[in-house]
Amino acid sequence: MLFWAAVGLWGLFTYLRGSGLTGSIAGALAIGEALVVVQVLAGVALFALEGMRAPNPIHYLYGVTAILVLPFAWSLLKDRDQRQALLVYSLLALFIAGLAIRGMTTAS
């Protein structure tokens, strides 16, 4: 959650300075996506091996959305202006941070 919030704020700061998507921010987005995948796989393992279930089924929707939103955005933005892409990715990073917060509240 904190990682995504930091990447989102970093991206917004970079956008406000007039820059576009940089390799550093793109790398941070890729690392964040990998972390989300690992977290979802850990949840799937808990579900499959231990039978642990989230009390609220919407928890699963938050996980699936967190995994799919960046690849979907990339498919739409890969040929667009890099400054515009930076703004969208930054807002999506903050959105994923919000999904993490909501996911934590539905899991307890």
N, C-alpha and C. Protein backbone atom coordinates (compact mmCIF):
# COMPACT_ATOMS: atom_id res chain seq x y z
N MET A 1 0.82 -1.18 0.00
CA MET A 1 0.00 0.00 0.00
C MET A 1 0.88 1.25 0.00
N LEU A 2 1.85 1.28 0.89
CA LEU A 2 2.72 2.45 0.96
C LEU A 2 3.59 2.58 -0.28
N PHE A 3 4.02 1.45 -0.84
CA PHE A 3 4.82 1.48 -2.06
C PHE A 3 4.03 2.13 -3.19
N TRP A 4 2.77 1.70 -3.37
CA TRP A 4 1.95 2.25 -4.44
C TRP A 4 1.66 3.74 -4.21
N ALA A 5 1.43 4.12 -2.97
CA ALA A 5 1.20 5.54 -2.68
C ALA A 5 2.44 6.36 -3.00
N ALA A 6 3.62 5.84 -2.65
CA ALA A 6 4.87 6.56 -2.93
C ALA A 6 5.10 6.68 -4.44
N VAL A 7 4.86 5.61 -5.18
CA VAL A 7 5.04 5.66 -6.63
C VAL A 7 4.05 6.63 -7.26
N GLY A 8 2.81 6.61 -6.79
CA GLY A 8 1.81 7.53 -7.32
C GLY A 8 2.17 8.98 -7.07
N LEU A 9 2.61 9.29 -5.86
CA LEU A 9 3.00 10.67 -5.55
C LEU A 9 4.25 11.08 -6.31
N TRP A 10 5.20 10.18 -6.44
CA TRP A 10 6.42 10.43 -7.21
C TRP A 10 6.06 10.74 -8.67
N GLY A 11 5.16 9.95 -9.23
CA GLY A 11 4.73 10.18 -10.60
C GLY A 11 4.01 11.51 -10.77
N LEU A 12 3.14 11.84 -9.84
CA LEU A 12 2.45 13.14 -9.92
C LEU A 12 3.42 14.30 -9.80
N PHE A 13 4.40 14.17 -8.91
CA PHE A 13 5.42 15.21 -8.77
C PHE A 13 6.20 15.36 -10.07
N THR A 14 6.57 14.25 -10.66
CA THR A 14 7.32 14.28 -11.93
C THR A 14 6.46 14.88 -13.04
N TYR A 15 5.18 14.54 -13.05
CA TYR A 15 4.27 15.10 -14.04
C TYR A 15 4.15 16.61 -13.89
N LEU A 16 4.01 17.08 -12.65
CA LEU A 16 3.88 18.52 -12.41
C LEU A 16 5.14 19.28 -12.76
N ARG A 17 6.27 18.61 -12.75
CA ARG A 17 7.53 19.23 -13.16
C ARG A 17 7.67 19.29 -14.67
N GLY A 18 6.75 18.69 -15.40
CA GLY A 18 6.75 18.75 -16.85
C GLY A 18 7.41 17.59 -17.55
N SER A 19 7.76 16.56 -16.81
CA SER A 19 8.42 15.40 -17.42
C SER A 19 7.40 14.35 -17.84
N GLY A 20 7.89 13.38 -18.59
CA GLY A 20 7.07 12.25 -19.00
C GLY A 20 7.47 11.02 -18.22
N LEU A 21 6.98 9.89 -18.67
CA LEU A 21 7.27 8.62 -18.03
C LEU A 21 8.76 8.30 -18.18
N THR A 22 9.43 8.06 -17.07
CA THR A 22 10.85 7.74 -17.08
C THR A 22 11.03 6.25 -16.82
N GLY A 23 12.23 5.77 -17.10
CA GLY A 23 12.54 4.37 -16.84
C GLY A 23 12.45 4.01 -15.37
N SER A 24 12.80 4.97 -14.50
CA SER A 24 12.75 4.72 -13.07
C SER A 24 11.32 4.48 -12.59
N ILE A 25 10.42 5.31 -13.05
CA ILE A 25 9.02 5.17 -12.64
C ILE A 25 8.42 3.91 -13.27
N ALA A 26 8.75 3.64 -14.53
CA ALA A 26 8.26 2.43 -15.18
C ALA A 26 8.78 1.19 -14.45
N GLY A 27 10.02 1.23 -14.01
CA GLY A 27 10.57 0.11 -13.25
C GLY A 27 9.88 -0.06 -11.91
N ALA A 28 9.58 1.06 -11.25
CA ALA A 28 8.86 1.00 -9.97
C ALA A 28 7.46 0.42 -10.16
N LEU A 29 6.82 0.78 -11.27
CA LEU A 29 5.50 0.22 -11.56
C LEU A 29 5.59 -1.29 -11.79
N ALA A 30 6.64 -1.72 -12.49
CA ALA A 30 6.82 -3.16 -12.73
C ALA A 30 7.09 -3.90 -11.42
N ILE A 31 7.91 -3.32 -10.55
CA ILE A 31 8.18 -3.93 -9.25
C ILE A 31 6.89 -4.01 -8.43
N GLY A 32 6.12 -2.95 -8.44
CA GLY A 32 4.85 -2.95 -7.72
C GLY A 32 3.89 -4.00 -8.24
N GLU A 33 3.84 -4.15 -9.55
CA GLU A 33 2.98 -5.17 -10.14
C GLU A 33 3.43 -6.57 -9.72
N ALA A 34 4.74 -6.79 -9.69
CA ALA A 34 5.27 -8.08 -9.24
C ALA A 34 4.91 -8.34 -7.78
N LEU A 35 4.98 -7.30 -6.96
CA LEU A 35 4.61 -7.45 -5.55
C LEU A 35 3.14 -7.80 -5.39
N VAL A 36 2.29 -7.20 -6.19
CA VAL A 36 0.86 -7.51 -6.12
C VAL A 36 0.63 -8.96 -6.54
N VAL A 37 1.32 -9.40 -7.59
CA VAL A 37 1.16 -10.79 -8.04
C VAL A 37 1.59 -11.75 -6.95
N VAL A 38 2.73 -11.47 -6.29
CA VAL A 38 3.20 -12.33 -5.20
C VAL A 38 2.17 -12.36 -4.06
N GLN A 39 1.62 -11.21 -3.73
CA GLN A 39 0.64 -11.15 -2.66
C GLN A 39 -0.63 -11.93 -3.01
N VAL A 40 -1.08 -11.82 -4.25
CA VAL A 40 -2.26 -12.57 -4.67
C VAL A 40 -1.97 -14.07 -4.67
N LEU A 41 -0.77 -14.46 -5.13
CA LEU A 41 -0.41 -15.87 -5.11
C LEU A 41 -0.36 -16.41 -3.68
N ALA A 42 0.12 -15.59 -2.75
CA ALA A 42 0.12 -16.01 -1.34
C ALA A 42 -1.31 -16.20 -0.85
N GLY A 43 -2.22 -15.32 -1.25
CA GLY A 43 -3.62 -15.46 -0.87
C GLY A 43 -4.25 -16.69 -1.49
N VAL A 44 -3.91 -16.98 -2.74
CA VAL A 44 -4.43 -18.18 -3.40
C VAL A 44 -3.90 -19.43 -2.69
N ALA A 45 -2.63 -19.41 -2.28
CA ALA A 45 -2.06 -20.54 -1.55
C ALA A 45 -2.77 -20.74 -0.21
N LEU A 46 -3.03 -19.67 0.50
CA LEU A 46 -3.77 -19.78 1.77
C LEU A 46 -5.16 -20.36 1.54
N PHE A 47 -5.78 -19.93 0.46
CA PHE A 47 -7.12 -20.42 0.15
C PHE A 47 -7.08 -21.90 -0.24
N ALA A 48 -6.13 -22.26 -1.09
CA ALA A 48 -6.08 -23.63 -1.61
C ALA A 48 -5.54 -24.63 -0.60
N LEU A 49 -4.51 -24.26 0.13
CA LEU A 49 -3.84 -25.21 1.02
C LEU A 49 -4.42 -25.24 2.42
N GLU A 50 -4.80 -24.08 2.92
CA GLU A 50 -5.28 -23.99 4.30
C GLU A 50 -6.79 -23.83 4.40
N GLY A 51 -7.44 -23.58 3.29
CA GLY A 51 -8.89 -23.38 3.32
C GLY A 51 -9.31 -22.05 3.91
N MET A 52 -8.37 -21.13 4.04
CA MET A 52 -8.69 -19.81 4.61
C MET A 52 -9.40 -18.96 3.56
N ARG A 53 -10.48 -18.38 3.95
CA ARG A 53 -11.28 -17.56 3.04
C ARG A 53 -11.44 -16.16 3.63
N ALA A 54 -11.53 -15.19 2.75
CA ALA A 54 -11.81 -13.83 3.20
C ALA A 54 -13.26 -13.75 3.65
N PRO A 55 -13.55 -13.02 4.73
CA PRO A 55 -14.93 -12.93 5.21
C PRO A 55 -15.86 -12.26 4.20
N ASN A 56 -15.31 -11.42 3.35
CA ASN A 56 -16.13 -10.71 2.38
C ASN A 56 -15.62 -11.06 0.97
N PRO A 57 -16.46 -11.59 0.10
CA PRO A 57 -16.00 -12.00 -1.24
C PRO A 57 -15.47 -10.85 -2.09
N ILE A 58 -15.81 -9.62 -1.76
CA ILE A 58 -15.32 -8.50 -2.55
C ILE A 58 -13.80 -8.35 -2.42
N HIS A 59 -13.23 -8.95 -1.38
CA HIS A 59 -11.77 -8.95 -1.20
C HIS A 59 -11.09 -9.53 -2.44
N TYR A 60 -11.66 -10.57 -3.01
CA TYR A 60 -11.08 -11.20 -4.20
C TYR A 60 -11.14 -10.27 -5.40
N LEU A 61 -12.21 -9.50 -5.50
CA LEU A 61 -12.34 -8.54 -6.60
C LEU A 61 -11.24 -7.48 -6.53
N TYR A 62 -10.92 -7.02 -5.32
CA TYR A 62 -9.85 -6.04 -5.17
C TYR A 62 -8.52 -6.61 -5.65
N GLY A 63 -8.24 -7.87 -5.34
CA GLY A 63 -6.99 -8.50 -5.77
C GLY A 63 -6.91 -8.64 -7.28
N VAL A 64 -7.98 -9.10 -7.89
CA VAL A 64 -8.01 -9.27 -9.34
C VAL A 64 -7.87 -7.91 -10.03
N THR A 65 -8.56 -6.92 -9.53
CA THR A 65 -8.48 -5.58 -10.12
C THR A 65 -7.07 -5.02 -10.00
N ALA A 66 -6.43 -5.22 -8.86
CA ALA A 66 -5.06 -4.71 -8.67
C ALA A 66 -4.09 -5.35 -9.66
N ILE A 67 -4.32 -6.62 -10.00
CA ILE A 67 -3.45 -7.29 -10.96
C ILE A 67 -3.70 -6.81 -12.39
N LEU A 68 -4.94 -6.61 -12.75
CA LEU A 68 -5.30 -6.35 -14.15
C LEU A 68 -5.21 -4.89 -14.58
N VAL A 69 -5.29 -3.95 -13.66
CA VAL A 69 -5.44 -2.55 -14.05
C VAL A 69 -4.20 -2.00 -14.79
N LEU A 70 -2.99 -2.32 -14.34
CA LEU A 70 -1.80 -1.79 -15.01
C LEU A 70 -1.57 -2.40 -16.39
N PRO A 71 -1.66 -3.72 -16.56
CA PRO A 71 -1.51 -4.24 -17.92
C PRO A 71 -2.57 -3.70 -18.89
N PHE A 72 -3.78 -3.52 -18.39
CA PHE A 72 -4.83 -2.95 -19.23
C PHE A 72 -4.47 -1.52 -19.64
N ALA A 73 -4.02 -0.72 -18.67
CA ALA A 73 -3.64 0.66 -18.97
C ALA A 73 -2.46 0.69 -19.93
N TRP A 74 -1.49 -0.20 -19.73
CA TRP A 74 -0.34 -0.24 -20.63
C TRP A 74 -0.79 -0.52 -22.06
N SER A 75 -1.73 -1.44 -22.23
CA SER A 75 -2.19 -1.78 -23.58
C SER A 75 -2.85 -0.58 -24.26
N LEU A 76 -3.45 0.29 -23.48
CA LEU A 76 -4.08 1.48 -24.05
C LEU A 76 -3.11 2.64 -24.24
N LEU A 77 -2.07 2.72 -23.41
CA LEU A 77 -1.20 3.90 -23.39
C LEU A 77 0.16 3.70 -24.05
N LYS A 78 0.48 2.51 -24.52
CA LYS A 78 1.84 2.25 -25.00
C LYS A 78 2.24 3.11 -26.19
N ASP A 79 1.28 3.56 -27.00
CA ASP A 79 1.59 4.38 -28.17
C ASP A 79 1.19 5.84 -28.00
N ARG A 80 0.89 6.24 -26.80
CA ARG A 80 0.45 7.62 -26.56
C ARG A 80 1.59 8.46 -26.02
N ASP A 81 1.30 9.72 -25.81
CA ASP A 81 2.25 10.66 -25.24
C ASP A 81 2.71 10.19 -23.87
N GLN A 82 4.01 10.19 -23.63
CA GLN A 82 4.55 9.66 -22.38
C GLN A 82 4.20 10.53 -21.17
N ARG A 83 3.98 11.79 -21.39
CA ARG A 83 3.56 12.65 -20.26
C ARG A 83 2.14 12.31 -19.84
N GLN A 84 1.27 12.11 -20.81
CA GLN A 84 -0.11 11.70 -20.51
C GLN A 84 -0.11 10.34 -19.84
N ALA A 85 0.71 9.43 -20.32
CA ALA A 85 0.80 8.09 -19.73
C ALA A 85 1.26 8.18 -18.27
N LEU A 86 2.22 9.06 -18.00
CA LEU A 86 2.70 9.23 -16.62
C LEU A 86 1.57 9.64 -15.69
N LEU A 87 0.75 10.57 -16.12
CA LEU A 87 -0.37 11.01 -15.29
C LEU A 87 -1.33 9.85 -15.01
N VAL A 88 -1.65 9.09 -16.04
CA VAL A 88 -2.59 7.96 -15.86
C VAL A 88 -1.97 6.91 -14.94
N TYR A 89 -0.71 6.56 -15.17
CA TYR A 89 -0.06 5.56 -14.32
C TYR A 89 0.04 6.03 -12.87
N SER A 90 0.30 7.30 -12.67
CA SER A 90 0.40 7.83 -11.31
C SER A 90 -0.95 7.74 -10.60
N LEU A 91 -2.00 8.10 -11.29
CA LEU A 91 -3.34 8.01 -10.70
C LEU A 91 -3.73 6.55 -10.45
N LEU A 92 -3.32 5.66 -11.35
CA LEU A 92 -3.60 4.24 -11.14
C LEU A 92 -2.81 3.69 -9.96
N ALA A 93 -1.60 4.17 -9.76
CA ALA A 93 -0.82 3.74 -8.59
C ALA A 93 -1.54 4.14 -7.31
N LEU A 94 -2.08 5.34 -7.27
CA LEU A 94 -2.84 5.77 -6.10
C LEU A 94 -4.13 4.96 -5.98
N PHE A 95 -4.74 4.60 -7.10
CA PHE A 95 -5.94 3.75 -7.09
C PHE A 95 -5.61 2.38 -6.50
N ILE A 96 -4.47 1.80 -6.90
CA ILE A 96 -4.08 0.50 -6.37
C ILE A 96 -3.78 0.60 -4.88
N ALA A 97 -3.20 1.72 -4.45
CA ALA A 97 -3.00 1.92 -3.00
C ALA A 97 -4.35 1.92 -2.29
N GLY A 98 -5.34 2.55 -2.88
CA GLY A 98 -6.68 2.53 -2.31
C GLY A 98 -7.29 1.14 -2.30
N LEU A 99 -7.04 0.36 -3.37
CA LEU A 99 -7.49 -1.03 -3.38
C LEU A 99 -6.85 -1.82 -2.26
N ALA A 100 -5.58 -1.55 -2.00
CA ALA A 100 -4.89 -2.26 -0.91
C ALA A 100 -5.52 -1.92 0.43
N ILE A 101 -5.85 -0.67 0.63
CA ILE A 101 -6.50 -0.27 1.87
C ILE A 101 -7.86 -0.97 2.01
N ARG A 102 -8.64 -0.94 0.93
CA ARG A 102 -9.95 -1.60 0.98
C ARG A 102 -9.81 -3.10 1.15
N GLY A 103 -8.80 -3.70 0.50
CA GLY A 103 -8.58 -5.12 0.65
C GLY A 103 -8.26 -5.50 2.08
N MET A 104 -7.47 -4.65 2.76
CA MET A 104 -7.14 -4.93 4.16
C MET A 104 -8.38 -4.81 5.04
N THR A 105 -9.25 -3.88 4.75
CA THR A 105 -10.44 -3.71 5.58
C THR A 105 -11.45 -4.83 5.37
N THR A 106 -11.47 -5.42 4.17
CA THR A 106 -12.43 -6.51 3.93
C THR A 106 -11.88 -7.85 4.39
N ALA A 107 -10.58 -7.94 4.65
CA ALA A 107 -9.98 -9.22 5.04
C ALA A 107 -10.05 -9.45 6.55
N SER A 108 -10.32 -8.43 7.32
CA SER A 108 -10.31 -8.61 8.76
C SER A 108 -11.71 -8.80 9.33
